[in-house]
Amino acid sequence: MKKITLILFLLCTGALYSQTYYLTVWSNGNATVIPVADIQKLVFSNFSSVDGDKEINTVIKTFKLLQNYPNPFNPSTTIEYQIPEKGNVQIKIFNINGQLVKSFENTHAAQGAYTITSNGDNDSGQPVATGLYIYQVSFANSLITKKMLFVK
């Protein structure tokens, strides 16, 4: 198994309170430096503990909806959410007037993190207009809503 060490550096760039953050990734003796502002998503999988005999598992404790990316988007965007236990998940997208534009299949999902892709179309497959949209994910007795912007 490949061992990777992540180190986060803080670099102050001259002006008072002006800060640039970098993520340095060490892999097999080689370092890669990436500005944190350029990172859209980090995915960690297949990691083992320091002694190598215990796999590290991510435990999701709360229902969470992340901001879509990219945002603004064209032609597609990814919506990410996490659920702490098995249950029904419903995802809907509304226009700024509150009209339902697109709904995704009501799924019965196990605990975990999930992503869906919205391609800038409505339930009829027609492209939507440029503008602000609201997406919401409901799980159990909870509903979380966020905004996204579609630009042509």
C-alpha atoms as a PDB file:
ATOM      1  CA  MET A   1       0.000   0.000   0.000  1.00  0.00           C
ATOM      2  CA  LYS A   2       1.313   3.465  -0.891  1.00  0.00           C
ATOM      3  CA  LYS A   3       2.015   5.670   2.131  1.00  0.00           C
ATOM      4  CA  ILE A   4       1.225   9.381   1.809  1.00  0.00           C
ATOM      5  CA  THR A   5       1.855  12.073   4.394  1.00  0.00           C
ATOM      6  CA  LEU A   6      -0.163  15.292   4.164  1.00  0.00           C
ATOM      7  CA  ILE A   7       1.302  18.484   5.611  1.00  0.00           C
ATOM      8  CA  LEU A   8      -0.541  21.823   5.565  1.00  0.00           C
ATOM      9  CA  PHE A   9       1.674  24.930   5.509  1.00  0.00           C
ATOM     10  CA  LEU A  10       0.604  28.513   6.213  1.00  0.00           C
ATOM     11  CA  LEU A  11       2.514  31.088   4.219  1.00  0.00           C
ATOM     12  CA  CYS A  12       2.055  34.785   5.067  1.00  0.00           C
ATOM     13  CA  THR A  13       2.500  36.902   1.953  1.00  0.00           C
ATOM     14  CA  GLY A  14       3.713  40.320   3.113  1.00  0.00           C
ATOM     15  CA  ALA A  15       0.604  42.404   3.806  1.00  0.00           C
ATOM     16  CA  LEU A  16      -0.888  42.231   7.280  1.00  0.00           C
ATOM     17  CA  TYR A  17      -3.542  39.472   7.508  1.00  0.00           C
ATOM     18  CA  SER A  18      -2.926  38.428   3.895  1.00  0.00           C
ATOM     19  CA  GLN A  19      -2.523  34.662   3.955  1.00  0.00           C
ATOM     20  CA  THR A  20      -2.037  31.993   1.329  1.00  0.00           C
ATOM     21  CA  TYR A  21      -2.515  28.366   2.302  1.00  0.00           C
ATOM     22  CA  TYR A  22      -0.697  25.515   0.565  1.00  0.00           C
ATOM     23  CA  LEU A  23      -1.169  21.773   0.797  1.00  0.00           C
ATOM     24  CA  THR A  24       2.030  19.769   0.441  1.00  0.00           C
ATOM     25  CA  VAL A  25       1.573  16.121  -0.477  1.00  0.00           C
ATOM     26  CA  TRP A  26       4.519  13.782   0.094  1.00  0.00           C
ATOM     27  CA  SER A  27       4.419  10.525  -1.826  1.00  0.00           C
ATOM     28  CA  ASN A  28       7.348   8.147  -2.231  1.00  0.00           C
ATOM     29  CA  GLY A  29       9.821  10.893  -1.289  1.00  0.00           C
ATOM     30  CA  ASN A  30       8.455  13.462  -3.758  1.00  0.00           C
ATOM     31  CA  ALA A  31       6.645  16.637  -2.703  1.00  0.00           C
ATOM     32  CA  THR A  32       3.843  18.358  -4.591  1.00  0.00           C
ATOM     33  CA  VAL A  33       2.720  21.817  -3.442  1.00  0.00           C
ATOM     34  CA  ILE A  34      -0.838  22.900  -4.287  1.00  0.00           C
ATOM     35  CA  PRO A  35      -2.506  26.227  -3.340  1.00  0.00           C
ATOM     36  CA  VAL A  36      -5.503  25.315  -1.167  1.00  0.00           C
ATOM     37  CA  ALA A  37      -7.667  27.840  -3.075  1.00  0.00           C
ATOM     38  CA  ASP A  38      -7.200  25.667  -6.200  1.00  0.00           C
ATOM     39  CA  ILE A  39      -8.459  22.488  -4.506  1.00  0.00           C
ATOM     40  CA  GLN A  40     -12.130  21.699  -5.147  1.00  0.00           C
ATOM     41  CA  LYS A  41     -12.278  18.309  -3.499  1.00  0.00           C
ATOM     42  CA  LEU A  42     -10.059  15.876  -1.581  1.00  0.00           C
ATOM     43  CA  VAL A  43     -10.954  12.204  -1.599  1.00  0.00           C
ATOM     44  CA  PHE A  44      -9.286   9.821   0.835  1.00  0.00           C
ATOM     45  CA  SER A  45      -9.695   6.090   0.364  1.00  0.00           C
ATOM     46  CA  ASN A  46      -7.849   2.846   1.082  1.00  0.00           C
ATOM     47  CA  PHE A  47      -5.805   4.297   3.936  1.00  0.00           C
ATOM     48  CA  SER A  48      -4.375   2.219   6.751  1.00  0.00           C
ATOM     49  CA  SER A  49      -3.302   3.179  10.230  1.00  0.00           C
ATOM     50  CA  VAL A  50       0.336   3.938  11.004  1.00  0.00           C
ATOM     51  CA  ASP A  51       1.029   0.337  11.953  1.00  0.00           C
ATOM     52  CA  GLY A  52      -0.610  -0.815   8.705  1.00  0.00           C
ATOM     53  CA  ASP A  53      -2.895  -3.475  10.134  1.00  0.00           C
ATOM     54  CA  LYS A  54      -6.087  -1.490  10.727  1.00  0.00           C
ATOM     55  CA  GLU A  55      -8.057   0.191   7.979  1.00  0.00           C
ATOM     56  CA  ILE A  56      -9.313   3.697   8.710  1.00  0.00           C
ATOM     57  CA  ASN A  57     -13.050   4.093   8.122  1.00  0.00           C
ATOM     58  CA  THR A  58     -14.936   7.359   7.826  1.00  0.00           C
ATOM     59  CA  VAL A  59     -17.890   7.606  10.172  1.00  0.00           C
ATOM     60  CA  ILE A  60     -20.682   9.930   9.096  1.00  0.00           C
ATOM     61  CA  LYS A  61     -22.544  11.180  12.140  1.00  0.00           C
ATOM     62  CA  THR A  62     -24.896  13.826  10.703  1.00  0.00           C
ATOM     63  CA  PHE A  63     -26.936  14.525   7.592  1.00  0.00           C
ATOM     64  CA  LYS A  64     -24.969  17.030   5.532  1.00  0.00           C
ATOM     65  CA  LEU A  65     -25.391  18.780   2.183  1.00  0.00           C
ATOM     66  CA  LEU A  66     -22.257  20.272   0.649  1.00  0.00           C
ATOM     67  CA  GLN A  67     -22.082  23.211  -1.750  1.00  0.00           C
ATOM     68  CA  ASN A  68     -22.333  22.123  -5.368  1.00  0.00           C
ATOM     69  CA  TYR A  69     -19.211  22.356  -7.510  1.00  0.00           C
ATOM     70  CA  PRO A  70     -18.419  24.026  -9.758  1.00  0.00           C
ATOM     71  CA  ASN A  71     -20.598  26.978  -8.848  1.00  0.00           C
ATOM     72  CA  PRO A  72     -21.443  28.875 -11.038  1.00  0.00           C
ATOM     73  CA  PHE A  73     -21.723  25.970 -13.457  1.00  0.00           C
ATOM     74  CA  ASN A  74     -22.150  25.216 -17.152  1.00  0.00           C
ATOM     75  CA  PRO A  75     -22.999  22.661 -18.414  1.00  0.00           C
ATOM     76  CA  SER A  76     -23.085  20.430 -15.317  1.00  0.00           C
ATOM     77  CA  THR A  77     -22.542  20.515 -11.570  1.00  0.00           C
ATOM     78  CA  THR A  78     -22.067  17.960  -8.816  1.00  0.00           C
ATOM     79  CA  ILE A  79     -24.191  17.888  -5.670  1.00  0.00           C
ATOM     80  CA  GLU A  80     -22.719  16.012  -2.723  1.00  0.00           C
ATOM     81  CA  TYR A  81     -24.494  14.877   0.444  1.00  0.00           C
ATOM     82  CA  GLN A  82     -23.882  12.551   3.383  1.00  0.00           C
ATOM     83  CA  ILE A  83     -26.360  10.520   5.398  1.00  0.00           C
ATOM     84  CA  PRO A  84     -25.628   8.965   8.816  1.00  0.00           C
ATOM     85  CA  GLU A  85     -27.888   5.925   8.453  1.00  0.00           C
ATOM     86  CA  LYS A  86     -30.020   4.021   5.970  1.00  0.00           C
ATOM     87  CA  GLY A  87     -33.095   5.948   4.789  1.00  0.00           C
ATOM     88  CA  ASN A  88     -34.975   7.681   1.997  1.00  0.00           C
ATOM     89  CA  VAL A  89     -33.283  10.575   0.208  1.00  0.00           C
ATOM     90  CA  GLN A  90     -35.094  13.014  -2.068  1.00  0.00           C
ATOM     91  CA  ILE A  91     -33.348  15.675  -4.178  1.00  0.00           C
ATOM     92  CA  LYS A  92     -35.140  18.555  -5.896  1.00  0.00           C
ATOM     93  CA  ILE A  93     -34.081  21.648  -7.832  1.00  0.00           C
ATOM     94  CA  PHE A  94     -36.282  24.752  -7.951  1.00  0.00           C
ATOM     95  CA  ASN A  95     -36.059  27.974  -9.927  1.00  0.00           C
ATOM     96  CA  ILE A  96     -35.952  31.307  -8.092  1.00  0.00           C
ATOM     97  CA  ASN A  97     -39.773  31.508  -8.284  1.00  0.00           C
ATOM     98  CA  GLY A  98     -40.084  28.275  -6.293  1.00  0.00           C
ATOM     99  CA  GLN A  99     -41.228  26.165  -9.250  1.00  0.00           C
ATOM    100  CA  LEU A 100     -39.956  22.595  -9.347  1.00  0.00           C
ATOM    101  CA  VAL A 101     -37.472  22.267 -12.224  1.00  0.00           C
ATOM    102  CA  LYS A 102     -35.988  18.837 -11.629  1.00  0.00           C
ATOM    103  CA  SER A 103     -36.389  16.022  -9.150  1.00  0.00           C
ATOM    104  CA  PHE A 104     -34.112  13.057  -8.801  1.00  0.00           C
ATOM    105  CA  GLU A 105     -35.348   9.568  -8.066  1.00  0.00           C
ATOM    106  CA  ASN A 106     -36.339   9.040  -4.439  1.00  0.00           C
ATOM    107  CA  THR A 107     -33.722   6.558  -3.262  1.00  0.00           C
ATOM    108  CA  HIS A 108     -33.386   4.309  -0.251  1.00  0.00           C
ATOM    109  CA  ALA A 109     -29.693   4.625   0.507  1.00  0.00           C
ATOM    110  CA  ALA A 110     -27.330   3.151   3.066  1.00  0.00           C
ATOM    111  CA  GLN A 111     -25.139   5.270   5.343  1.00  0.00           C
ATOM    112  CA  GLY A 112     -22.456   7.063   3.352  1.00  0.00           C
ATOM    113  CA  ALA A 113     -21.478   9.914   1.076  1.00  0.00           C
ATOM    114  CA  TYR A 114     -23.166  10.321  -2.304  1.00  0.00           C
ATOM    115  CA  THR A 115     -22.925  12.545  -5.373  1.00  0.00           C
ATOM    116  CA  ILE A 116     -25.350  13.319  -8.162  1.00  0.00           C
ATOM    117  CA  THR A 117     -24.773  15.332 -11.313  1.00  0.00           C
ATOM    118  CA  SER A 118     -27.201  17.926 -12.623  1.00  0.00           C
ATOM    119  CA  ASN A 119     -26.770  18.666 -16.324  1.00  0.00           C
ATOM    120  CA  GLY A 120     -28.605  21.998 -16.488  1.00  0.00           C
ATOM    121  CA  ASP A 121     -31.845  20.472 -17.736  1.00  0.00           C
ATOM    122  CA  ASN A 122     -35.351  20.078 -16.355  1.00  0.00           C
ATOM    123  CA  ASP A 123     -37.409  16.908 -15.831  1.00  0.00           C
ATOM    124  CA  SER A 124     -38.441  17.034 -19.515  1.00  0.00           C
ATOM    125  CA  GLY A 125     -34.817  17.100 -20.669  1.00  0.00           C
ATOM    126  CA  GLN A 126     -35.028  20.717 -21.844  1.00  0.00           C
ATOM    127  CA  PRO A 127     -32.132  23.079 -20.982  1.00  0.00           C
ATOM    128  CA  VAL A 128     -32.895  25.528 -18.189  1.00  0.00           C
ATOM    129  CA  ALA A 129     -32.400  29.289 -18.416  1.00  0.00           C
ATOM    130  CA  THR A 130     -29.427  31.115 -16.967  1.00  0.00           C
ATOM    131  CA  GLY A 131     -30.115  32.061 -13.380  1.00  0.00           C
ATOM    132  CA  LEU A 132     -30.160  31.260  -9.706  1.00  0.00           C
ATOM    133  CA  TYR A 133     -31.531  27.865  -8.642  1.00  0.00           C
ATOM    134  CA  ILE A 134     -32.232  26.304  -5.267  1.00  0.00           C
ATOM    135  CA  TYR A 135     -31.431  22.670  -4.584  1.00  0.00           C
ATOM    136  CA  GLN A 136     -32.650  20.759  -1.592  1.00  0.00           C
ATOM    137  CA  VAL A 137     -32.014  17.345  -0.168  1.00  0.00           C
ATOM    138  CA  SER A 138     -34.394  15.763   2.308  1.00  0.00           C
ATOM    139  CA  PHE A 139     -33.543  12.858   4.565  1.00  0.00           C
ATOM    140  CA  ALA A 140     -35.562  11.507   7.495  1.00  0.00           C
ATOM    141  CA  ASN A 141     -37.212  14.597   9.034  1.00  0.00           C
ATOM    142  CA  SER A 142     -34.524  17.006   7.813  1.00  0.00           C
ATOM    143  CA  LEU A 143     -34.355  19.280   4.791  1.00  0.00           C
ATOM    144  CA  ILE A 144     -31.256  21.218   3.707  1.00  0.00           C
ATOM    145  CA  THR A 145     -31.333  23.851   0.965  1.00  0.00           C
ATOM    146  CA  LYS A 146     -28.520  25.619  -0.918  1.00  0.00           C
ATOM    147  CA  LYS A 147     -28.174  27.971  -3.885  1.00  0.00           C
ATOM    148  CA  MET A 148     -26.445  27.420  -7.221  1.00  0.00           C
ATOM    149  CA  LEU A 149     -25.961  29.573 -10.291  1.00  0.00           C
ATOM    150  CA  PHE A 150     -26.314  28.352 -13.878  1.00  0.00           C
ATOM    151  CA  VAL A 151     -24.618  30.523 -16.519  1.00  0.00           C
ATOM    152  CA  LYS A 152     -24.610  30.134 -20.294  1.00  0.00           C
END
